[in-house]
Amino acid sequence: MKELLYLSDTIDDFKVFYAGSNDKTRFNLSDTIHRVLSVMIDYFKSRKVTLDIDIDRMINIDGNVNEFSQVILNLLTNIRDVFERQQVANGIVNIVSYIDHDTGKVVLTITDNGGGIRSDIMGRVFEPYFTTKDKARGTGLGLYISKVIIDGNMHGTITAANTQDGCQVRIEL
């Protein structure tokens, strides 16, 4: 049964990735992130997770809004899973955006206090089918798909690094 759930999740991941329009448009970063957060807000509230959001409302980016939304959802879902697995009592999610005036790039960081990523696996987190979850809970495609979308489709970069008490994912577009 676990294998069937795993395969079902894998198919669902690919359906979301390939579904919808391939149209690239200019969209508002703040509006898009808030729409994705609305899907997860009940979970975060029920677990008393503090959301610290500082998103520049004036930033617009070019790309496929559905794909970008999938990236944000993947990142927030991973944070949710880490908070549950690590039994984080006072979870904090910090979402910040700004324009780097030296490079002109839009920078989005999503930081949590879930304990971080083990150093021995840090270099593998964006590989396809790599997961720290058991097979019934994870396919190992979320971060891989996120990297394909950001690096390939949006011509940006996505990286992960440990902070003092968690992990920060940084997207540059």
N, C-alpha and C. Protein backbone atom coordinates (compact mmCIF):
# COMPACT_ATOMS: atom_id res chain seq x y z
N MET A 1 0.82 -1.19 0.00
CA MET A 1 0.00 0.00 0.00
C MET A 1 0.86 1.26 0.00
N LYS A 2 1.98 1.22 0.75
CA LYS A 2 2.87 2.39 0.79
C LYS A 2 3.41 2.71 -0.60
N GLU A 3 3.72 1.66 -1.37
CA GLU A 3 4.25 1.88 -2.71
C GLU A 3 3.22 2.55 -3.60
N LEU A 4 1.94 2.17 -3.45
CA LEU A 4 0.88 2.79 -4.24
C LEU A 4 0.73 4.26 -3.88
N LEU A 5 0.78 4.58 -2.60
CA LEU A 5 0.70 5.98 -2.18
C LEU A 5 1.88 6.77 -2.72
N TYR A 6 3.05 6.16 -2.70
CA TYR A 6 4.24 6.81 -3.23
C TYR A 6 4.07 7.11 -4.72
N LEU A 7 3.63 6.11 -5.47
CA LEU A 7 3.43 6.31 -6.90
C LEU A 7 2.35 7.34 -7.17
N SER A 8 1.29 7.33 -6.39
CA SER A 8 0.23 8.31 -6.54
C SER A 8 0.75 9.72 -6.31
N ASP A 9 1.57 9.89 -5.26
CA ASP A 9 2.16 11.21 -4.99
C ASP A 9 3.07 11.64 -6.14
N THR A 10 3.83 10.70 -6.68
CA THR A 10 4.72 11.01 -7.79
C THR A 10 3.92 11.49 -9.00
N ILE A 11 2.86 10.79 -9.31
CA ILE A 11 2.00 11.18 -10.43
C ILE A 11 1.39 12.55 -10.17
N ASP A 12 0.92 12.78 -8.94
CA ASP A 12 0.34 14.08 -8.60
C ASP A 12 1.36 15.20 -8.77
N ASP A 13 2.59 14.96 -8.35
CA ASP A 13 3.64 15.97 -8.51
C ASP A 13 3.84 16.33 -9.98
N PHE A 14 3.90 15.31 -10.83
CA PHE A 14 4.09 15.58 -12.25
C PHE A 14 2.87 16.25 -12.86
N LYS A 15 1.66 15.86 -12.43
CA LYS A 15 0.45 16.49 -12.96
C LYS A 15 0.44 17.98 -12.66
N VAL A 16 0.77 18.33 -11.43
CA VAL A 16 0.80 19.74 -11.06
C VAL A 16 1.87 20.47 -11.86
N PHE A 17 3.01 19.82 -12.02
CA PHE A 17 4.12 20.45 -12.73
C PHE A 17 3.76 20.72 -14.19
N TYR A 18 3.11 19.77 -14.83
CA TYR A 18 2.83 19.91 -16.25
C TYR A 18 1.43 20.44 -16.56
N ALA A 19 0.59 20.58 -15.54
CA ALA A 19 -0.78 21.05 -15.77
C ALA A 19 -0.81 22.55 -15.96
N GLY A 20 -1.95 23.02 -16.44
CA GLY A 20 -2.15 24.45 -16.53
C GLY A 20 -1.47 25.04 -17.75
N SER A 21 -1.54 26.32 -17.81
CA SER A 21 -1.03 27.06 -18.95
C SER A 21 0.48 27.21 -18.87
N ASN A 22 1.10 27.23 -20.02
CA ASN A 22 2.53 27.51 -20.08
C ASN A 22 2.79 28.99 -20.33
N ASP A 23 1.73 29.78 -20.28
CA ASP A 23 1.85 31.20 -20.56
C ASP A 23 2.73 31.89 -19.54
N LYS A 24 3.63 32.68 -20.05
CA LYS A 24 4.46 33.50 -19.17
C LYS A 24 3.86 34.90 -19.16
N THR A 25 3.71 35.43 -17.97
CA THR A 25 3.12 36.75 -17.80
C THR A 25 3.91 37.50 -16.74
N ARG A 26 3.58 38.75 -16.56
CA ARG A 26 4.13 39.53 -15.45
C ARG A 26 3.11 39.43 -14.33
N PHE A 27 3.57 39.01 -13.14
CA PHE A 27 2.65 38.88 -12.01
C PHE A 27 3.26 39.48 -10.77
N ASN A 28 2.38 39.82 -9.82
CA ASN A 28 2.82 40.46 -8.59
C ASN A 28 3.29 39.40 -7.60
N LEU A 29 4.51 39.54 -7.13
CA LEU A 29 5.11 38.57 -6.22
C LEU A 29 4.31 38.46 -4.92
N SER A 30 3.98 39.59 -4.33
CA SER A 30 3.26 39.59 -3.06
C SER A 30 1.90 38.91 -3.18
N ASP A 31 1.14 39.28 -4.20
CA ASP A 31 -0.19 38.67 -4.39
C ASP A 31 -0.08 37.16 -4.55
N THR A 32 0.90 36.73 -5.31
CA THR A 32 1.07 35.30 -5.57
C THR A 32 1.43 34.55 -4.29
N ILE A 33 2.35 35.09 -3.53
CA ILE A 33 2.75 34.42 -2.28
C ILE A 33 1.58 34.39 -1.30
N HIS A 34 0.84 35.46 -1.20
CA HIS A 34 -0.31 35.47 -0.29
C HIS A 34 -1.39 34.48 -0.72
N ARG A 35 -1.58 34.30 -2.03
CA ARG A 35 -2.54 33.29 -2.51
C ARG A 35 -2.10 31.89 -2.09
N VAL A 36 -0.81 31.60 -2.23
CA VAL A 36 -0.31 30.29 -1.83
C VAL A 36 -0.41 30.13 -0.32
N LEU A 37 -0.06 31.17 0.43
CA LEU A 37 -0.17 31.10 1.89
C LEU A 37 -1.59 30.81 2.34
N SER A 38 -2.58 31.29 1.60
CA SER A 38 -3.97 31.06 2.00
C SER A 38 -4.31 29.58 2.02
N VAL A 39 -3.60 28.78 1.24
CA VAL A 39 -3.82 27.33 1.23
C VAL A 39 -3.28 26.70 2.51
N MET A 40 -2.21 27.27 3.06
CA MET A 40 -1.53 26.69 4.22
C MET A 40 -1.86 27.40 5.53
N ILE A 41 -2.58 28.50 5.48
CA ILE A 41 -2.74 29.35 6.66
C ILE A 41 -3.41 28.63 7.83
N ASP A 42 -4.40 27.80 7.55
CA ASP A 42 -5.08 27.09 8.64
C ASP A 42 -4.11 26.18 9.39
N TYR A 43 -3.24 25.50 8.65
CA TYR A 43 -2.25 24.64 9.30
C TYR A 43 -1.35 25.48 10.19
N PHE A 44 -0.80 26.54 9.65
CA PHE A 44 0.13 27.37 10.42
C PHE A 44 -0.54 27.96 11.65
N LYS A 45 -1.78 28.41 11.51
CA LYS A 45 -2.50 28.97 12.67
C LYS A 45 -2.76 27.89 13.72
N SER A 46 -3.18 26.71 13.28
CA SER A 46 -3.51 25.65 14.24
C SER A 46 -2.28 25.19 15.02
N ARG A 47 -1.10 25.34 14.43
CA ARG A 47 0.15 24.94 15.09
C ARG A 47 0.86 26.14 15.73
N LYS A 48 0.18 27.29 15.71
CA LYS A 48 0.73 28.52 16.29
C LYS A 48 2.10 28.88 15.70
N VAL A 49 2.23 28.66 14.40
CA VAL A 49 3.44 29.03 13.68
C VAL A 49 3.38 30.53 13.41
N THR A 50 4.46 31.22 13.73
CA THR A 50 4.55 32.65 13.48
C THR A 50 4.98 32.87 12.03
N LEU A 51 4.17 33.62 11.30
CA LEU A 51 4.52 34.00 9.94
C LEU A 51 5.00 35.44 9.96
N ASP A 52 6.24 35.65 9.61
CA ASP A 52 6.84 36.98 9.54
C ASP A 52 7.06 37.28 8.06
N ILE A 53 6.22 38.14 7.51
CA ILE A 53 6.22 38.37 6.07
C ILE A 53 6.58 39.82 5.77
N ASP A 54 7.62 39.99 4.97
CA ASP A 54 8.06 41.32 4.55
C ASP A 54 8.31 41.26 3.04
N ILE A 55 7.22 41.35 2.29
CA ILE A 55 7.29 41.22 0.84
C ILE A 55 7.00 42.58 0.22
N ASP A 56 7.90 43.04 -0.61
CA ASP A 56 7.73 44.31 -1.31
C ASP A 56 6.54 44.18 -2.27
N ARG A 57 5.49 44.94 -2.00
CA ARG A 57 4.26 44.85 -2.81
C ARG A 57 4.45 45.40 -4.23
N MET A 58 5.54 46.07 -4.47
CA MET A 58 5.75 46.67 -5.79
C MET A 58 6.51 45.76 -6.75
N ILE A 59 6.95 44.61 -6.27
CA ILE A 59 7.76 43.72 -7.12
C ILE A 59 6.85 42.88 -8.00
N ASN A 60 7.11 42.97 -9.30
CA ASN A 60 6.46 42.11 -10.29
C ASN A 60 7.56 41.28 -10.95
N ILE A 61 7.23 40.04 -11.27
CA ILE A 61 8.20 39.18 -11.94
C ILE A 61 7.58 38.54 -13.16
N ASP A 62 8.42 38.12 -14.08
CA ASP A 62 7.98 37.48 -15.31
C ASP A 62 8.13 35.98 -15.19
N GLY A 63 7.11 35.27 -15.63
CA GLY A 63 7.17 33.81 -15.61
C GLY A 63 5.77 33.24 -15.61
N ASN A 64 5.70 31.96 -15.36
CA ASN A 64 4.42 31.28 -15.28
C ASN A 64 3.97 31.29 -13.83
N VAL A 65 2.88 32.00 -13.55
CA VAL A 65 2.43 32.17 -12.17
C VAL A 65 2.07 30.83 -11.52
N ASN A 66 1.55 29.88 -12.30
CA ASN A 66 1.20 28.57 -11.73
C ASN A 66 2.45 27.81 -11.32
N GLU A 67 3.47 27.86 -12.15
CA GLU A 67 4.72 27.18 -11.80
C GLU A 67 5.35 27.82 -10.58
N PHE A 68 5.39 29.15 -10.54
CA PHE A 68 6.00 29.83 -9.40
C PHE A 68 5.22 29.52 -8.12
N SER A 69 3.90 29.49 -8.22
CA SER A 69 3.07 29.13 -7.07
C SER A 69 3.40 27.74 -6.57
N GLN A 70 3.66 26.82 -7.49
CA GLN A 70 4.02 25.45 -7.12
C GLN A 70 5.33 25.44 -6.34
N VAL A 71 6.29 26.27 -6.73
CA VAL A 71 7.56 26.37 -6.01
C VAL A 71 7.30 26.79 -4.56
N ILE A 72 6.52 27.85 -4.38
CA ILE A 72 6.26 28.36 -3.03
C ILE A 72 5.52 27.31 -2.22
N LEU A 73 4.54 26.65 -2.83
CA LEU A 73 3.79 25.60 -2.13
C LEU A 73 4.72 24.45 -1.73
N ASN A 74 5.63 24.06 -2.61
CA ASN A 74 6.59 23.00 -2.28
C ASN A 74 7.43 23.39 -1.07
N LEU A 75 7.92 24.62 -1.05
CA LEU A 75 8.76 25.07 0.06
C LEU A 75 7.98 25.11 1.37
N LEU A 76 6.76 25.63 1.34
CA LEU A 76 5.95 25.70 2.56
C LEU A 76 5.54 24.31 3.04
N THR A 77 5.28 23.41 2.11
CA THR A 77 4.94 22.03 2.48
C THR A 77 6.13 21.35 3.15
N ASN A 78 7.32 21.59 2.63
CA ASN A 78 8.52 21.03 3.27
C ASN A 78 8.69 21.57 4.68
N ILE A 79 8.44 22.87 4.86
CA ILE A 79 8.54 23.45 6.20
C ILE A 79 7.52 22.80 7.13
N ARG A 80 6.30 22.65 6.66
CA ARG A 80 5.27 21.98 7.47
C ARG A 80 5.74 20.60 7.89
N ASP A 81 6.27 19.84 6.95
CA ASP A 81 6.72 18.48 7.25
C ASP A 81 7.87 18.46 8.25
N VAL A 82 8.79 19.40 8.12
CA VAL A 82 9.91 19.50 9.06
C VAL A 82 9.41 19.84 10.45
N PHE A 83 8.50 20.81 10.54
CA PHE A 83 7.95 21.19 11.85
C PHE A 83 7.28 19.99 12.52
N GLU A 84 6.56 19.18 11.74
CA GLU A 84 5.90 18.00 12.32
C GLU A 84 6.93 16.95 12.73
N ARG A 85 7.88 16.67 11.85
CA ARG A 85 8.87 15.63 12.12
C ARG A 85 9.76 16.00 13.31
N GLN A 86 10.15 17.26 13.40
CA GLN A 86 11.03 17.72 14.48
C GLN A 86 10.25 18.16 15.71
N GLN A 87 8.92 18.12 15.62
CA GLN A 87 8.04 18.56 16.71
C GLN A 87 8.43 19.95 17.20
N VAL A 88 8.54 20.88 16.24
CA VAL A 88 8.89 22.26 16.55
C VAL A 88 7.71 22.91 17.25
N ALA A 89 7.92 23.35 18.48
CA ALA A 89 6.83 23.92 19.29
C ALA A 89 6.50 25.35 18.90
N ASN A 90 7.49 26.15 18.61
CA ASN A 90 7.28 27.56 18.28
C ASN A 90 7.85 27.85 16.90
N GLY A 91 7.17 27.30 15.90
CA GLY A 91 7.66 27.45 14.54
C GLY A 91 7.60 28.89 14.05
N ILE A 92 8.61 29.25 13.28
CA ILE A 92 8.67 30.57 12.67
C ILE A 92 8.99 30.40 11.19
N VAL A 93 8.21 31.07 10.36
CA VAL A 93 8.48 31.13 8.93
C VAL A 93 8.64 32.60 8.57
N ASN A 94 9.79 32.92 8.00
CA ASN A 94 10.10 34.30 7.63
C ASN A 94 10.20 34.36 6.11
N ILE A 95 9.37 35.21 5.49
CA ILE A 95 9.38 35.36 4.04
C ILE A 95 9.70 36.82 3.72
N VAL A 96 10.78 37.02 3.00
CA VAL A 96 11.26 38.38 2.70
C VAL A 96 11.55 38.49 1.21
N SER A 97 11.19 39.63 0.63
CA SER A 97 11.58 39.90 -0.76
C SER A 97 12.14 41.30 -0.86
N TYR A 98 13.03 41.47 -1.81
CA TYR A 98 13.60 42.79 -2.08
C TYR A 98 14.31 42.74 -3.42
N ILE A 99 14.67 43.90 -3.90
CA ILE A 99 15.47 43.99 -5.12
C ILE A 99 16.90 44.28 -4.70
N ASP A 100 17.82 43.42 -5.12
CA ASP A 100 19.24 43.63 -4.85
C ASP A 100 19.71 44.74 -5.79
N HIS A 101 20.03 45.87 -5.23
CA HIS A 101 20.37 47.03 -6.05
C HIS A 101 21.71 46.88 -6.76
N ASP A 102 22.56 45.98 -6.29
CA ASP A 102 23.83 45.74 -6.98
C ASP A 102 23.63 44.92 -8.25
N THR A 103 22.73 43.93 -8.19
CA THR A 103 22.53 43.04 -9.34
C THR A 103 21.25 43.33 -10.10
N GLY A 104 20.32 44.05 -9.48
CA GLY A 104 19.03 44.31 -10.09
C GLY A 104 18.08 43.12 -10.02
N LYS A 105 18.49 42.07 -9.33
CA LYS A 105 17.67 40.86 -9.25
C LYS A 105 16.67 40.95 -8.10
N VAL A 106 15.54 40.29 -8.31
CA VAL A 106 14.57 40.11 -7.24
C VAL A 106 15.07 38.96 -6.37
N VAL A 107 15.09 39.18 -5.06
CA VAL A 107 15.52 38.15 -4.12
C VAL A 107 14.35 37.82 -3.21
N LEU A 108 14.07 36.54 -3.07
CA LEU A 108 13.04 36.05 -2.17
C LEU A 108 13.70 35.03 -1.25
N THR A 109 13.56 35.22 0.06
CA THR A 109 14.08 34.23 1.00
C THR A 109 12.93 33.71 1.85
N ILE A 110 12.95 32.41 2.07
CA ILE A 110 11.99 31.76 2.96
C ILE A 110 12.83 31.00 3.99
N THR A 111 12.68 31.41 5.24
CA THR A 111 13.52 30.89 6.32
C THR A 111 12.64 30.26 7.39
N ASP A 112 13.10 29.15 7.96
CA ASP A 112 12.36 28.51 9.05
C ASP A 112 13.29 28.24 10.22
N ASN A 113 12.71 27.83 11.33
CA ASN A 113 13.51 27.44 12.49
C ASN A 113 13.31 25.96 12.81
N GLY A 114 13.32 25.15 11.75
CA GLY A 114 13.08 23.72 11.90
C GLY A 114 14.31 22.87 12.11
N GLY A 115 15.45 23.47 12.39
CA GLY A 115 16.64 22.68 12.69
C GLY A 115 17.64 22.56 11.57
N GLY A 116 17.27 22.91 10.37
CA GLY A 116 18.22 22.89 9.26
C GLY A 116 18.32 21.55 8.57
N ILE A 117 19.22 21.51 7.61
CA ILE A 117 19.45 20.32 6.78
C ILE A 117 20.82 19.75 7.17
N ARG A 118 20.87 18.44 7.38
CA ARG A 118 22.15 17.82 7.72
C ARG A 118 23.20 18.15 6.66
N SER A 119 24.40 18.43 7.09
CA SER A 119 25.46 18.84 6.16
C SER A 119 25.79 17.74 5.14
N ASP A 120 25.63 16.48 5.52
CA ASP A 120 25.97 15.39 4.61
C ASP A 120 24.97 15.23 3.47
N ILE A 121 23.80 15.85 3.57
CA ILE A 121 22.82 15.74 2.48
C ILE A 121 22.50 17.09 1.83
N MET A 122 23.07 18.16 2.34
CA MET A 122 22.76 19.49 1.81
C MET A 122 22.93 19.57 0.30
N GLY A 123 23.97 18.99 -0.23
CA GLY A 123 24.23 19.05 -1.67
C GLY A 123 23.29 18.23 -2.52
N ARG A 124 22.44 17.43 -1.89
CA ARG A 124 21.55 16.53 -2.65
C ARG A 124 20.09 16.95 -2.63
N VAL A 125 19.73 17.98 -1.89
CA VAL A 125 18.31 18.27 -1.66
C VAL A 125 17.55 18.63 -2.93
N PHE A 126 18.23 19.09 -3.98
CA PHE A 126 17.55 19.44 -5.23
C PHE A 126 17.62 18.32 -6.27
N GLU A 127 18.15 17.16 -5.90
CA GLU A 127 18.22 16.03 -6.82
C GLU A 127 16.86 15.36 -6.93
N PRO A 128 16.54 14.81 -8.13
CA PRO A 128 15.26 14.10 -8.26
C PRO A 128 15.23 12.85 -7.39
N TYR A 129 14.09 12.62 -6.79
CA TYR A 129 13.79 11.45 -5.95
C TYR A 129 14.58 11.41 -4.65
N PHE A 130 15.26 12.48 -4.30
CA PHE A 130 15.94 12.52 -3.01
C PHE A 130 14.97 13.06 -1.97
N THR A 131 14.77 12.32 -0.90
CA THR A 131 13.88 12.76 0.16
C THR A 131 14.40 12.29 1.51
N THR A 132 14.09 13.06 2.52
CA THR A 132 14.40 12.65 3.90
C THR A 132 13.16 12.08 4.56
N LYS A 133 12.03 12.11 3.84
CA LYS A 133 10.77 11.59 4.37
C LYS A 133 10.68 10.10 4.05
N ASP A 134 9.81 9.40 4.78
CA ASP A 134 9.60 8.01 4.42
C ASP A 134 8.83 7.97 3.10
N LYS A 135 8.90 6.84 2.44
CA LYS A 135 8.33 6.71 1.09
C LYS A 135 6.83 7.00 1.04
N ALA A 136 6.12 6.80 2.14
CA ALA A 136 4.69 7.07 2.15
C ALA A 136 4.38 8.56 2.18
N ARG A 137 5.35 9.38 2.58
CA ARG A 137 5.10 10.82 2.72
C ARG A 137 5.77 11.67 1.66
N GLY A 138 6.81 11.18 1.02
CA GLY A 138 7.53 12.04 0.10
C GLY A 138 7.98 11.33 -1.15
N THR A 139 8.01 12.08 -2.25
CA THR A 139 8.46 11.53 -3.53
C THR A 139 9.87 11.97 -3.88
N GLY A 140 10.35 13.01 -3.23
CA GLY A 140 11.66 13.54 -3.58
C GLY A 140 11.65 14.36 -4.85
N LEU A 141 10.47 14.82 -5.25
CA LEU A 141 10.38 15.61 -6.48
C LEU A 141 10.11 17.09 -6.24
N GLY A 142 9.64 17.46 -5.06
CA GLY A 142 9.24 18.84 -4.81
C GLY A 142 10.35 19.85 -5.04
N LEU A 143 11.49 19.64 -4.40
CA LEU A 143 12.60 20.58 -4.57
C LEU A 143 13.24 20.47 -5.95
N TYR A 144 13.25 19.27 -6.50
CA TYR A 144 13.77 19.10 -7.85
C TYR A 144 12.93 19.89 -8.85
N ILE A 145 11.62 19.73 -8.78
CA ILE A 145 10.72 20.47 -9.67
C ILE A 145 10.87 21.97 -9.44
N SER A 146 11.02 22.36 -8.19
CA SER A 146 11.21 23.78 -7.89
C SER A 146 12.48 24.31 -8.56
N LYS A 147 13.53 23.52 -8.54
CA LYS A 147 14.78 23.94 -9.18
C LYS A 147 14.61 24.03 -10.70
N VAL A 148 13.93 23.07 -11.29
CA VAL A 148 13.69 23.10 -12.74
C VAL A 148 12.91 24.37 -13.10
N ILE A 149 11.90 24.69 -12.31
CA ILE A 149 11.09 25.88 -12.59
C ILE A 149 11.92 27.15 -12.45
N ILE A 150 12.61 27.30 -11.33
CA ILE A 150 13.35 28.54 -11.08
C ILE A 150 14.57 28.66 -11.99
N ASP A 151 15.40 27.62 -12.03
CA ASP A 151 16.64 27.69 -12.82
C ASP A 151 16.35 27.61 -14.33
N GLY A 152 15.54 26.66 -14.71
CA GLY A 152 15.32 26.43 -16.13
C GLY A 152 14.29 27.35 -16.75
N ASN A 153 13.10 27.37 -16.19
CA ASN A 153 12.00 28.11 -16.81
C ASN A 153 12.05 29.60 -16.55
N MET A 154 12.52 29.99 -15.36
CA MET A 154 12.51 31.41 -15.00
C MET A 154 13.91 32.04 -15.06
N HIS A 155 14.91 31.24 -15.40
CA HIS A 155 16.30 31.70 -15.58
C HIS A 155 16.84 32.39 -14.33
N GLY A 156 16.51 31.81 -13.18
CA GLY A 156 16.99 32.33 -11.91
C GLY A 156 17.82 31.29 -11.21
N THR A 157 17.94 31.44 -9.89
CA THR A 157 18.64 30.44 -9.09
C THR A 157 17.86 30.20 -7.81
N ILE A 158 17.95 28.97 -7.33
CA ILE A 158 17.37 28.61 -6.03
C ILE A 158 18.44 27.84 -5.26
N THR A 159 18.67 28.25 -4.04
CA THR A 159 19.69 27.62 -3.20
C THR A 159 19.13 27.43 -1.80
N ALA A 160 19.75 26.52 -1.07
CA ALA A 160 19.38 26.29 0.32
C ALA A 160 20.64 26.37 1.17
N ALA A 161 20.49 26.94 2.36
CA ALA A 161 21.61 27.05 3.29
C ALA A 161 21.07 26.99 4.71
N ASN A 162 21.87 26.46 5.60
CA ASN A 162 21.47 26.43 7.00
C ASN A 162 21.68 27.78 7.65
N THR A 163 20.79 28.10 8.57
CA THR A 163 20.91 29.29 9.40
C THR A 163 21.24 28.80 10.81
N GLN A 164 21.23 29.70 11.76
CA GLN A 164 21.56 29.32 13.13
C GLN A 164 20.64 28.22 13.67
N ASP A 165 19.34 28.32 13.36
CA ASP A 165 18.40 27.34 13.92
C ASP A 165 17.45 26.74 12.88
N GLY A 166 17.79 26.87 11.61
CA GLY A 166 16.90 26.33 10.59
C GLY A 166 17.53 26.35 9.22
N CYS A 167 16.69 26.60 8.24
CA CYS A 167 17.11 26.58 6.85
C CYS A 167 16.57 27.82 6.14
N GLN A 168 17.33 28.31 5.17
CA GLN A 168 16.86 29.40 4.34
C GLN A 168 16.98 28.99 2.88
N VAL A 169 15.87 29.12 2.16
CA VAL A 169 15.88 28.93 0.72
C VAL A 169 15.88 30.31 0.10
N ARG A 170 16.79 30.50 -0.84
CA ARG A 170 16.94 31.81 -1.49
C ARG A 170 16.68 31.64 -2.98
N ILE A 171 15.78 32.46 -3.48
CA ILE A 171 15.46 32.49 -4.91
C ILE A 171 15.89 33.84 -5.45
N GLU A 172 16.64 33.83 -6.54
CA GLU A 172 17.03 35.07 -7.22
C GLU A 172 16.51 35.00 -8.64
N LEU A 173 15.83 36.07 -9.04
CA LEU A 173 15.26 36.14 -10.39
C LEU A 173 15.67 37.45 -11.05
